[in-house]
């Protein structure tokens, strides 16, 4: 699962870490802050799209699913 986010820096990642660790599990997600779209990748297939968007929002950020082709 991939999401475009507004998680811009390492401090932002620190803020979303407890939320995403709780949802997807430690080491099951990553945010590429070097990518212009700040891509969040979730490796845990058991997680639902809505849950990811909600968890990121609870941390104060936005996430929008990217349709994979």
N, C-alpha and C. Protein backbone atom coordinates (compact mmCIF):
# COMPACT_ATOMS: atom_id res chain seq x y z
N UNK A 1 0.85 -1.17 0.00
CA UNK A 1 0.00 0.00 0.00
C UNK A 1 0.90 1.23 0.00
N UNK A 2 0.54 2.19 -0.84
CA UNK A 2 1.31 3.43 -0.91
C UNK A 2 0.38 4.62 -0.79
N UNK A 3 0.87 5.64 -0.07
CA UNK A 3 0.09 6.85 0.19
C UNK A 3 0.95 8.07 -0.03
N UNK A 4 0.37 9.10 -0.64
CA UNK A 4 1.00 10.41 -0.72
C UNK A 4 0.69 11.11 0.59
N UNK A 5 1.70 11.72 1.22
CA UNK A 5 1.50 12.35 2.52
C UNK A 5 2.07 13.77 2.55
N UNK A 6 1.86 14.43 3.67
CA UNK A 6 2.51 15.72 3.93
C UNK A 6 3.49 15.59 5.11
N UNK A 7 4.04 14.40 5.28
CA UNK A 7 5.08 14.14 6.29
C UNK A 7 6.40 14.58 5.67
N UNK A 8 6.93 15.72 6.11
CA UNK A 8 8.03 16.37 5.40
C UNK A 8 9.44 16.10 5.91
N UNK A 9 9.59 15.75 7.21
CA UNK A 9 10.94 15.70 7.77
C UNK A 9 11.05 14.62 8.84
N UNK A 10 12.24 14.48 9.40
CA UNK A 10 12.44 13.46 10.42
C UNK A 10 11.63 13.74 11.68
N UNK A 11 11.41 15.01 12.01
CA UNK A 11 10.54 15.33 13.16
C UNK A 11 9.11 14.90 12.90
N UNK A 12 8.65 15.07 11.67
CA UNK A 12 7.30 14.62 11.30
C UNK A 12 7.20 13.10 11.42
N UNK A 13 8.23 12.41 10.96
CA UNK A 13 8.24 10.95 11.07
C UNK A 13 8.18 10.54 12.53
N UNK A 14 8.90 11.24 13.38
CA UNK A 14 8.87 10.94 14.82
C UNK A 14 7.46 11.09 15.38
N UNK A 15 6.70 12.07 14.87
CA UNK A 15 5.33 12.27 15.36
C UNK A 15 4.39 11.16 14.91
N UNK A 16 4.55 10.65 13.68
CA UNK A 16 3.64 9.61 13.19
C UNK A 16 4.06 8.21 13.62
N UNK A 17 5.30 8.06 14.06
CA UNK A 17 5.82 6.73 14.41
C UNK A 17 4.94 5.96 15.40
N UNK A 18 4.56 6.52 16.54
CA UNK A 18 3.75 5.71 17.47
C UNK A 18 2.41 5.28 16.86
N UNK A 19 1.82 6.12 16.04
CA UNK A 19 0.53 5.80 15.42
C UNK A 19 0.68 4.67 14.40
N UNK A 20 1.71 4.78 13.55
CA UNK A 20 1.89 3.76 12.52
C UNK A 20 2.46 2.47 13.08
N UNK A 21 3.29 2.56 14.11
CA UNK A 21 3.76 1.33 14.75
C UNK A 21 2.61 0.57 15.38
N UNK A 22 1.68 1.28 16.01
CA UNK A 22 0.52 0.65 16.63
C UNK A 22 -0.37 -0.01 15.57
N UNK A 23 -0.52 0.66 14.44
CA UNK A 23 -1.39 0.16 13.38
C UNK A 23 -0.76 -0.97 12.58
N UNK A 24 0.42 -0.72 12.03
CA UNK A 24 1.02 -1.65 11.08
C UNK A 24 2.12 -2.51 11.69
N UNK A 25 2.65 -2.09 12.84
CA UNK A 25 3.75 -2.81 13.45
C UNK A 25 5.08 -2.16 13.09
N UNK A 26 5.99 -2.22 14.03
CA UNK A 26 7.32 -1.64 13.82
C UNK A 26 7.99 -2.30 12.63
N UNK A 27 8.67 -1.53 11.82
CA UNK A 27 9.39 -1.98 10.62
C UNK A 27 8.47 -2.45 9.50
N UNK A 28 7.16 -2.17 9.59
CA UNK A 28 6.23 -2.53 8.53
C UNK A 28 5.77 -1.32 7.73
N UNK A 29 6.44 -0.20 7.90
CA UNK A 29 6.08 1.01 7.18
C UNK A 29 7.31 1.90 7.05
N UNK A 30 7.26 2.81 6.08
CA UNK A 30 8.32 3.80 5.92
C UNK A 30 7.80 4.97 5.12
N UNK A 31 8.36 6.14 5.38
CA UNK A 31 8.03 7.35 4.61
C UNK A 31 9.30 7.79 3.89
N UNK A 32 9.20 7.95 2.58
CA UNK A 32 10.32 8.43 1.78
C UNK A 32 10.22 9.95 1.69
N UNK A 33 10.91 10.65 2.61
CA UNK A 33 10.82 12.11 2.63
C UNK A 33 11.64 12.75 1.51
N UNK A 34 12.43 11.97 0.80
CA UNK A 34 13.19 12.50 -0.34
C UNK A 34 12.31 12.56 -1.60
N UNK A 35 11.27 11.75 -1.63
CA UNK A 35 10.33 11.76 -2.76
C UNK A 35 9.47 13.02 -2.66
N UNK A 36 9.24 13.72 -3.76
CA UNK A 36 8.42 14.95 -3.71
C UNK A 36 7.01 14.72 -3.16
N UNK A 37 6.48 13.51 -3.30
CA UNK A 37 5.14 13.20 -2.81
C UNK A 37 5.16 12.64 -1.39
N UNK A 38 6.35 12.52 -0.80
CA UNK A 38 6.49 12.03 0.59
C UNK A 38 5.73 10.71 0.76
N UNK A 39 6.15 9.69 0.02
CA UNK A 39 5.42 8.43 -0.06
C UNK A 39 5.55 7.59 1.21
N UNK A 40 4.39 7.23 1.76
CA UNK A 40 4.29 6.30 2.88
C UNK A 40 4.00 4.93 2.29
N UNK A 41 4.84 3.95 2.62
CA UNK A 41 4.63 2.58 2.18
C UNK A 41 4.31 1.73 3.40
N UNK A 42 3.20 1.00 3.31
CA UNK A 42 2.78 0.08 4.38
C UNK A 42 3.01 -1.34 3.87
N UNK A 43 3.75 -2.12 4.62
CA UNK A 43 4.10 -3.48 4.20
C UNK A 43 3.15 -4.53 4.80
N UNK A 44 2.30 -4.12 5.73
CA UNK A 44 1.39 -5.03 6.41
C UNK A 44 0.08 -5.10 5.63
N UNK A 45 -0.15 -6.22 4.96
CA UNK A 45 -1.34 -6.37 4.11
C UNK A 45 -2.63 -6.48 4.92
N UNK A 46 -2.53 -6.68 6.22
CA UNK A 46 -3.72 -6.82 7.06
C UNK A 46 -4.36 -5.48 7.41
N UNK A 47 -3.70 -4.39 7.06
CA UNK A 47 -4.17 -3.05 7.41
C UNK A 47 -5.07 -2.51 6.29
N UNK A 48 -6.15 -1.84 6.68
CA UNK A 48 -7.08 -1.26 5.71
C UNK A 48 -6.68 0.18 5.39
N UNK A 49 -6.98 0.59 4.17
CA UNK A 49 -6.68 1.94 3.71
C UNK A 49 -7.22 3.00 4.67
N UNK A 50 -8.46 2.85 5.08
CA UNK A 50 -9.10 3.84 5.97
C UNK A 50 -8.36 3.94 7.30
N UNK A 51 -7.84 2.81 7.78
CA UNK A 51 -7.12 2.80 9.06
C UNK A 51 -5.81 3.59 8.95
N UNK A 52 -5.13 3.45 7.83
CA UNK A 52 -3.88 4.19 7.61
C UNK A 52 -4.16 5.68 7.56
N UNK A 53 -5.16 6.07 6.77
CA UNK A 53 -5.52 7.48 6.64
C UNK A 53 -5.90 8.05 8.00
N UNK A 54 -6.67 7.31 8.79
CA UNK A 54 -7.10 7.77 10.11
C UNK A 54 -5.91 7.90 11.06
N UNK A 55 -5.00 6.93 11.07
CA UNK A 55 -3.84 6.99 11.96
C UNK A 55 -2.94 8.16 11.64
N UNK A 56 -2.71 8.41 10.35
CA UNK A 56 -1.88 9.55 9.95
C UNK A 56 -2.57 10.85 10.35
N UNK A 57 -3.89 10.91 10.19
CA UNK A 57 -4.65 12.11 10.57
C UNK A 57 -4.59 12.35 12.08
N UNK A 58 -4.65 11.28 12.87
CA UNK A 58 -4.56 11.41 14.33
C UNK A 58 -3.22 12.01 14.75
N UNK A 59 -2.19 11.77 13.94
CA UNK A 59 -0.86 12.33 14.21
C UNK A 59 -0.75 13.77 13.71
N UNK A 60 -1.78 14.24 12.97
CA UNK A 60 -1.78 15.62 12.50
C UNK A 60 -1.35 15.80 11.06
N UNK A 61 -1.37 14.72 10.29
CA UNK A 61 -0.92 14.78 8.89
C UNK A 61 -1.99 14.21 7.98
N UNK A 62 -1.74 14.32 6.68
CA UNK A 62 -2.68 13.81 5.68
C UNK A 62 -2.05 12.68 4.90
N UNK A 63 -2.88 11.73 4.50
CA UNK A 63 -2.43 10.63 3.64
C UNK A 63 -3.52 10.37 2.60
N UNK A 64 -3.09 10.16 1.38
CA UNK A 64 -4.01 9.89 0.28
C UNK A 64 -3.48 8.66 -0.47
N UNK A 65 -4.31 7.65 -0.59
CA UNK A 65 -3.85 6.42 -1.25
C UNK A 65 -3.49 6.68 -2.69
N UNK A 66 -2.41 6.04 -3.13
CA UNK A 66 -1.98 6.12 -4.51
C UNK A 66 -2.41 4.83 -5.19
N UNK A 67 -3.14 4.97 -6.29
CA UNK A 67 -3.58 3.80 -7.04
C UNK A 67 -2.37 3.19 -7.74
N UNK A 68 -2.13 1.91 -7.49
CA UNK A 68 -1.03 1.22 -8.13
C UNK A 68 -1.48 0.68 -9.47
N UNK A 69 -0.60 0.80 -10.44
CA UNK A 69 -0.95 0.33 -11.79
C UNK A 69 -0.22 -0.92 -12.13
